[in-house]
Amino acid sequence: MKNLILSLALAVLASGVAQAGSKTDIETPPFDKALAQQMIDNSIQRFPLAEDVSVEDAIDSMQLRANVLNFKLVADLPLSEQVKAMGEDANYMRILAFCDALIAKRMVEYNIIFAGFLPCRIAVLEDADGKGWIVTMNMDMMLHAVDLPADLQPLAKQVRDTIYSIVDAGVNGDL
């Protein structure tokens, strides 16, 4: 099953890369849009904020939890502020990126594909109705789609558990 998921992901990625490249006589495999949409949907998790938790509370809680778990906040992208600075209205959207640099280094040394997932991103946003959400990568899908050597499996699980703990703190406003 893991190899099937990885093969499908690579086929979709290869199709997209081939289509994005220069125009040549290279024949690209057929693109299955429905399959690609399903894969993307399954690769992302969405969590509604608890009723009494604001987006600011969620962010404060996530930053605190990350600190306690020794995961560094390596990027903070206030996208809605940037959109507003460009003269357009925008619902709240901010992306936080967390990382354990030593684990990241080991994962990328094993397989450079992991560089595409770094750092772990968690988006905090409000939908059109003003409801707060946290959106992040499905860490279980990533963890189970690649055969990791025994020495990296506990590190990958640690990253997964840490990111989910950070998300949980944000969803519930745990300070």
C-alpha atoms as a PDB file:
ATOM      1  CA  MET A   1       0.000   0.000   0.000  1.00  0.00           C
ATOM      2  CA  LYS A   2       2.833   2.389   0.883  1.00  0.00           C
ATOM      3  CA  ASN A   3       4.479   1.778  -2.463  1.00  0.00           C
ATOM      4  CA  LEU A   4       1.171   2.280  -4.286  1.00  0.00           C
ATOM      5  CA  ILE A   5       0.616   5.662  -2.595  1.00  0.00           C
ATOM      6  CA  LEU A   6       4.201   6.718  -3.309  1.00  0.00           C
ATOM      7  CA  SER A   7       3.966   5.533  -6.929  1.00  0.00           C
ATOM      8  CA  LEU A   8       0.722   7.437  -7.467  1.00  0.00           C
ATOM      9  CA  ALA A   9       2.159  10.568  -5.893  1.00  0.00           C
ATOM     10  CA  LEU A  10       5.280  10.366  -8.030  1.00  0.00           C
ATOM     11  CA  ALA A  11       3.218   9.771 -11.185  1.00  0.00           C
ATOM     12  CA  VAL A  12       1.066  12.823 -10.507  1.00  0.00           C
ATOM     13  CA  LEU A  13       4.120  14.903  -9.651  1.00  0.00           C
ATOM     14  CA  ALA A  14       5.978  13.723 -12.757  1.00  0.00           C
ATOM     15  CA  SER A  15       2.974  14.551 -14.894  1.00  0.00           C
ATOM     16  CA  GLY A  16       2.787  18.058 -13.465  1.00  0.00           C
ATOM     17  CA  VAL A  17       6.523  18.652 -13.802  1.00  0.00           C
ATOM     18  CA  ALA A  18       6.535  17.356 -17.368  1.00  0.00           C
ATOM     19  CA  GLN A  19       3.592  19.591 -18.256  1.00  0.00           C
ATOM     20  CA  ALA A  20       5.292  22.592 -16.656  1.00  0.00           C
ATOM     21  CA  GLY A  21       8.529  22.060 -18.590  1.00  0.00           C
ATOM     22  CA  SER A  22       9.453  23.367 -22.013  1.00  0.00           C
ATOM     23  CA  LYS A  23       7.406  22.351 -25.021  1.00  0.00           C
ATOM     24  CA  THR A  24       9.069  19.384 -26.666  1.00  0.00           C
ATOM     25  CA  ASP A  25       8.044  16.166 -28.353  1.00  0.00           C
ATOM     26  CA  ILE A  26       8.186  14.285 -25.041  1.00  0.00           C
ATOM     27  CA  GLU A  27       4.943  12.425 -24.469  1.00  0.00           C
ATOM     28  CA  THR A  28       3.537  12.915 -20.984  1.00  0.00           C
ATOM     29  CA  PRO A  29       1.409  10.319 -19.243  1.00  0.00           C
ATOM     30  CA  PRO A  30      -2.300  11.041 -19.046  1.00  0.00           C
ATOM     31  CA  PHE A  31      -3.190  13.313 -16.155  1.00  0.00           C
ATOM     32  CA  ASP A  32      -5.958  12.075 -13.864  1.00  0.00           C
ATOM     33  CA  LYS A  33      -7.313  15.283 -12.347  1.00  0.00           C
ATOM     34  CA  ALA A  34      -9.744  13.494 -10.001  1.00  0.00           C
ATOM     35  CA  LEU A  35      -6.949  11.331  -8.602  1.00  0.00           C
ATOM     36  CA  ALA A  36      -4.699  14.358  -8.146  1.00  0.00           C
ATOM     37  CA  GLN A  37      -7.466  16.241  -6.319  1.00  0.00           C
ATOM     38  CA  GLN A  38      -8.096  13.254  -4.044  1.00  0.00           C
ATOM     39  CA  MET A  39      -4.381  12.949  -3.258  1.00  0.00           C
ATOM     40  CA  ILE A  40      -4.100  16.636  -2.428  1.00  0.00           C
ATOM     41  CA  ASP A  41      -7.249  16.545  -0.293  1.00  0.00           C
ATOM     42  CA  ASN A  42      -5.921  13.520   1.619  1.00  0.00           C
ATOM     43  CA  SER A  43      -2.538  15.158   2.154  1.00  0.00           C
ATOM     44  CA  ILE A  44      -4.004  18.086   4.096  1.00  0.00           C
ATOM     45  CA  GLN A  45      -5.799  18.182   7.443  1.00  0.00           C
ATOM     46  CA  ARG A  46      -8.217  20.907   8.526  1.00  0.00           C
ATOM     47  CA  PHE A  47      -9.125  21.578  12.155  1.00  0.00           C
ATOM     48  CA  PRO A  48     -11.785  24.083  13.240  1.00  0.00           C
ATOM     49  CA  LEU A  49     -10.818  26.241  16.198  1.00  0.00           C
ATOM     50  CA  ALA A  50     -12.845  25.688  19.351  1.00  0.00           C
ATOM     51  CA  GLU A  51     -15.707  28.185  19.670  1.00  0.00           C
ATOM     52  CA  ASP A  52     -13.984  30.326  22.314  1.00  0.00           C
ATOM     53  CA  VAL A  53     -10.546  30.375  20.616  1.00  0.00           C
ATOM     54  CA  SER A  54      -9.542  33.318  18.419  1.00  0.00           C
ATOM     55  CA  VAL A  55      -6.916  33.042  15.700  1.00  0.00           C
ATOM     56  CA  GLU A  56      -4.569  35.119  17.880  1.00  0.00           C
ATOM     57  CA  ASP A  57      -5.155  32.782  20.858  1.00  0.00           C
ATOM     58  CA  ALA A  58      -4.450  29.799  18.602  1.00  0.00           C
ATOM     59  CA  ILE A  59      -1.159  31.279  17.434  1.00  0.00           C
ATOM     60  CA  ASP A  60      -0.050  32.183  20.965  1.00  0.00           C
ATOM     61  CA  SER A  61      -0.897  28.655  22.117  1.00  0.00           C
ATOM     62  CA  MET A  62       0.974  27.028  19.234  1.00  0.00           C
ATOM     63  CA  GLN A  63       4.074  29.144  19.795  1.00  0.00           C
ATOM     64  CA  LEU A  64       4.075  28.319  23.494  1.00  0.00           C
ATOM     65  CA  ARG A  65       3.606  24.586  22.868  1.00  0.00           C
ATOM     66  CA  ALA A  66       6.377  24.587  20.251  1.00  0.00           C
ATOM     67  CA  ASN A  67       8.714  26.248  22.757  1.00  0.00           C
ATOM     68  CA  VAL A  68       7.897  23.667  25.428  1.00  0.00           C
ATOM     69  CA  LEU A  69       8.545  20.850  22.919  1.00  0.00           C
ATOM     70  CA  ASN A  70      11.788  22.466  21.685  1.00  0.00           C
ATOM     71  CA  PHE A  71      10.543  22.972  18.135  1.00  0.00           C
ATOM     72  CA  LYS A  72      11.724  26.266  16.703  1.00  0.00           C
ATOM     73  CA  LEU A  73       9.492  28.765  14.954  1.00  0.00           C
ATOM     74  CA  VAL A  74      11.589  29.356  11.846  1.00  0.00           C
ATOM     75  CA  ALA A  75       9.125  31.405   9.784  1.00  0.00           C
ATOM     76  CA  ASP A  76       6.063  33.553  10.374  1.00  0.00           C
ATOM     77  CA  LEU A  77       4.245  34.671   7.250  1.00  0.00           C
ATOM     78  CA  PRO A  78       1.370  37.130   7.868  1.00  0.00           C
ATOM     79  CA  LEU A  79      -0.120  36.756   4.387  1.00  0.00           C
ATOM     80  CA  SER A  80      -3.371  38.612   5.014  1.00  0.00           C
ATOM     81  CA  GLU A  81      -1.392  41.627   6.250  1.00  0.00           C
ATOM     82  CA  GLN A  82       0.652  41.561   3.054  1.00  0.00           C
ATOM     83  CA  VAL A  83      -2.495  41.374   0.915  1.00  0.00           C
ATOM     84  CA  LYS A  84      -3.984  44.336   2.820  1.00  0.00           C
ATOM     85  CA  ALA A  85      -0.756  46.289   2.333  1.00  0.00           C
ATOM     86  CA  MET A  86      -1.224  45.699  -1.396  1.00  0.00           C
ATOM     87  CA  GLY A  87      -4.640  47.378  -1.236  1.00  0.00           C
ATOM     88  CA  GLU A  88      -7.020  44.399  -1.117  1.00  0.00           C
ATOM     89  CA  ASP A  89      -9.252  43.080   1.638  1.00  0.00           C
ATOM     90  CA  ALA A  90      -8.352  39.665   3.008  1.00  0.00           C
ATOM     91  CA  ASN A  91      -9.578  37.237   5.613  1.00  0.00           C
ATOM     92  CA  TYR A  92      -7.032  36.428   8.293  1.00  0.00           C
ATOM     93  CA  MET A  93      -4.299  34.100   7.024  1.00  0.00           C
ATOM     94  CA  ARG A  94      -0.963  33.483   8.688  1.00  0.00           C
ATOM     95  CA  ILE A  95       1.444  30.629   8.154  1.00  0.00           C
ATOM     96  CA  LEU A  96       3.806  29.500  10.882  1.00  0.00           C
ATOM     97  CA  ALA A  97       6.692  27.146  10.139  1.00  0.00           C
ATOM     98  CA  PHE A  98       8.259  24.967  12.813  1.00  0.00           C
ATOM     99  CA  CYS A  99      11.353  22.783  12.647  1.00  0.00           C
ATOM    100  CA  ASP A 100      13.875  20.688  14.501  1.00  0.00           C
ATOM    101  CA  ALA A 101      16.922  21.412  12.356  1.00  0.00           C
ATOM    102  CA  LEU A 102      18.843  18.301  13.412  1.00  0.00           C
ATOM    103  CA  ILE A 103      15.973  15.972  12.509  1.00  0.00           C
ATOM    104  CA  ALA A 104      15.438  17.854   9.250  1.00  0.00           C
ATOM    105  CA  LYS A 105      19.100  17.414   8.373  1.00  0.00           C
ATOM    106  CA  ARG A 106      18.957  13.654   8.907  1.00  0.00           C
ATOM    107  CA  MET A 107      15.749  13.247   6.912  1.00  0.00           C
ATOM    108  CA  VAL A 108      17.111  15.210   3.936  1.00  0.00           C
ATOM    109  CA  GLU A 109      20.390  13.291   4.059  1.00  0.00           C
ATOM    110  CA  TYR A 110      18.360  10.093   3.757  1.00  0.00           C
ATOM    111  CA  ASN A 111      16.193  11.367   0.890  1.00  0.00           C
ATOM    112  CA  ILE A 112      16.177  14.881  -0.561  1.00  0.00           C
ATOM    113  CA  ILE A 113      12.434  14.645  -1.205  1.00  0.00           C
ATOM    114  CA  PHE A 114      11.954  15.571   2.464  1.00  0.00           C
ATOM    115  CA  ALA A 115      13.340  19.045   1.707  1.00  0.00           C
ATOM    116  CA  GLY A 116      10.036  19.759  -0.051  1.00  0.00           C
ATOM    117  CA  PHE A 117       8.186  19.237   3.240  1.00  0.00           C
ATOM    118  CA  LEU A 118      10.450  21.464   5.312  1.00  0.00           C
ATOM    119  CA  PRO A 119       9.830  23.256   7.506  1.00  0.00           C
ATOM    120  CA  CYS A 120       6.545  21.925   8.877  1.00  0.00           C
ATOM    121  CA  ARG A 121       3.924  24.525   8.022  1.00  0.00           C
ATOM    122  CA  ILE A 122       0.772  25.267   9.965  1.00  0.00           C
ATOM    123  CA  ALA A 123      -1.688  27.793   8.549  1.00  0.00           C
ATOM    124  CA  VAL A 124      -4.104  29.698  10.776  1.00  0.00           C
ATOM    125  CA  LEU A 125      -6.933  31.331   8.905  1.00  0.00           C
ATOM    126  CA  GLU A 126     -10.494  32.558   8.971  1.00  0.00           C
ATOM    127  CA  ASP A 127     -12.961  31.376   6.349  1.00  0.00           C
ATOM    128  CA  ALA A 128     -15.533  33.587   4.622  1.00  0.00           C
ATOM    129  CA  ASP A 129     -17.828  33.273   7.661  1.00  0.00           C
ATOM    130  CA  GLY A 130     -15.097  34.354  10.103  1.00  0.00           C
ATOM    131  CA  LYS A 131     -14.624  30.831  11.494  1.00  0.00           C
ATOM    132  CA  GLY A 132     -11.049  30.073  12.561  1.00  0.00           C
ATOM    133  CA  TRP A 133      -9.207  27.072  11.155  1.00  0.00           C
ATOM    134  CA  ILE A 134      -5.826  25.396  11.383  1.00  0.00           C
ATOM    135  CA  VAL A 135      -4.579  23.660   8.241  1.00  0.00           C
ATOM    136  CA  THR A 136      -1.488  21.489   8.000  1.00  0.00           C
ATOM    137  CA  MET A 137      -0.028  18.525   6.166  1.00  0.00           C
ATOM    138  CA  ASN A 138      -1.374  15.074   6.960  1.00  0.00           C
ATOM    139  CA  MET A 139       1.697  13.901   8.848  1.00  0.00           C
ATOM    140  CA  ASP A 140       0.513  10.276   8.945  1.00  0.00           C
ATOM    141  CA  MET A 141       0.236  10.135   5.171  1.00  0.00           C
ATOM    142  CA  MET A 142       3.761  11.485   4.832  1.00  0.00           C
ATOM    143  CA  LEU A 143       5.063   9.131   7.512  1.00  0.00           C
ATOM    144  CA  HIS A 144       3.564   5.996   5.979  1.00  0.00           C
ATOM    145  CA  ALA A 145       4.183   6.764   2.302  1.00  0.00           C
ATOM    146  CA  VAL A 146       7.963   6.400   2.566  1.00  0.00           C
ATOM    147  CA  ASP A 147       9.930   3.415   3.795  1.00  0.00           C
ATOM    148  CA  LEU A 148      12.245   4.876   6.412  1.00  0.00           C
ATOM    149  CA  PRO A 149      15.176   3.029   7.946  1.00  0.00           C
ATOM    150  CA  ALA A 150      14.780   1.931  11.568  1.00  0.00           C
ATOM    151  CA  ASP A 151      16.924   4.802  12.907  1.00  0.00           C
ATOM    152  CA  LEU A 152      14.733   7.478  11.240  1.00  0.00           C
ATOM    153  CA  GLN A 153      11.310   6.028  12.090  1.00  0.00           C
ATOM    154  CA  PRO A 154      11.282   7.290  15.699  1.00  0.00           C
ATOM    155  CA  LEU A 155      12.446  10.739  14.554  1.00  0.00           C
ATOM    156  CA  ALA A 156       9.670  10.954  11.958  1.00  0.00           C
ATOM    157  CA  LYS A 157       7.127   9.899  14.577  1.00  0.00           C
ATOM    158  CA  GLN A 158       8.521  12.511  16.956  1.00  0.00           C
ATOM    159  CA  VAL A 159       8.027  15.214  14.321  1.00  0.00           C
ATOM    160  CA  ARG A 160       4.491  13.991  13.625  1.00  0.00           C
ATOM    161  CA  ASP A 161       3.584  13.887  17.317  1.00  0.00           C
ATOM    162  CA  THR A 162       5.112  17.308  17.952  1.00  0.00           C
ATOM    163  CA  ILE A 163       3.302  18.973  15.056  1.00  0.00           C
ATOM    164  CA  TYR A 164      -0.003  17.396  16.092  1.00  0.00           C
ATOM    165  CA  SER A 165       0.572  18.556  19.669  1.00  0.00           C
ATOM    166  CA  ILE A 166       1.237  22.095  18.427  1.00  0.00           C
ATOM    167  CA  VAL A 167      -1.938  21.970  16.305  1.00  0.00           C
ATOM    168  CA  ASP A 168      -3.965  20.619  19.246  1.00  0.00           C
ATOM    169  CA  ALA A 169      -2.761  23.480  21.446  1.00  0.00           C
ATOM    170  CA  GLY A 170      -3.867  25.959  18.793  1.00  0.00           C
ATOM    171  CA  VAL A 171      -7.261  24.361  18.188  1.00  0.00           C
ATOM    172  CA  ASN A 172      -8.081  24.381  21.896  1.00  0.00           C
ATOM    173  CA  GLY A 173      -6.259  27.572  22.913  1.00  0.00           C
ATOM    174  CA  ASP A 174      -4.157  25.694  25.468  1.00  0.00           C
ATOM    175  CA  LEU A 175      -1.723  28.098  27.094  1.00  0.00           C
END
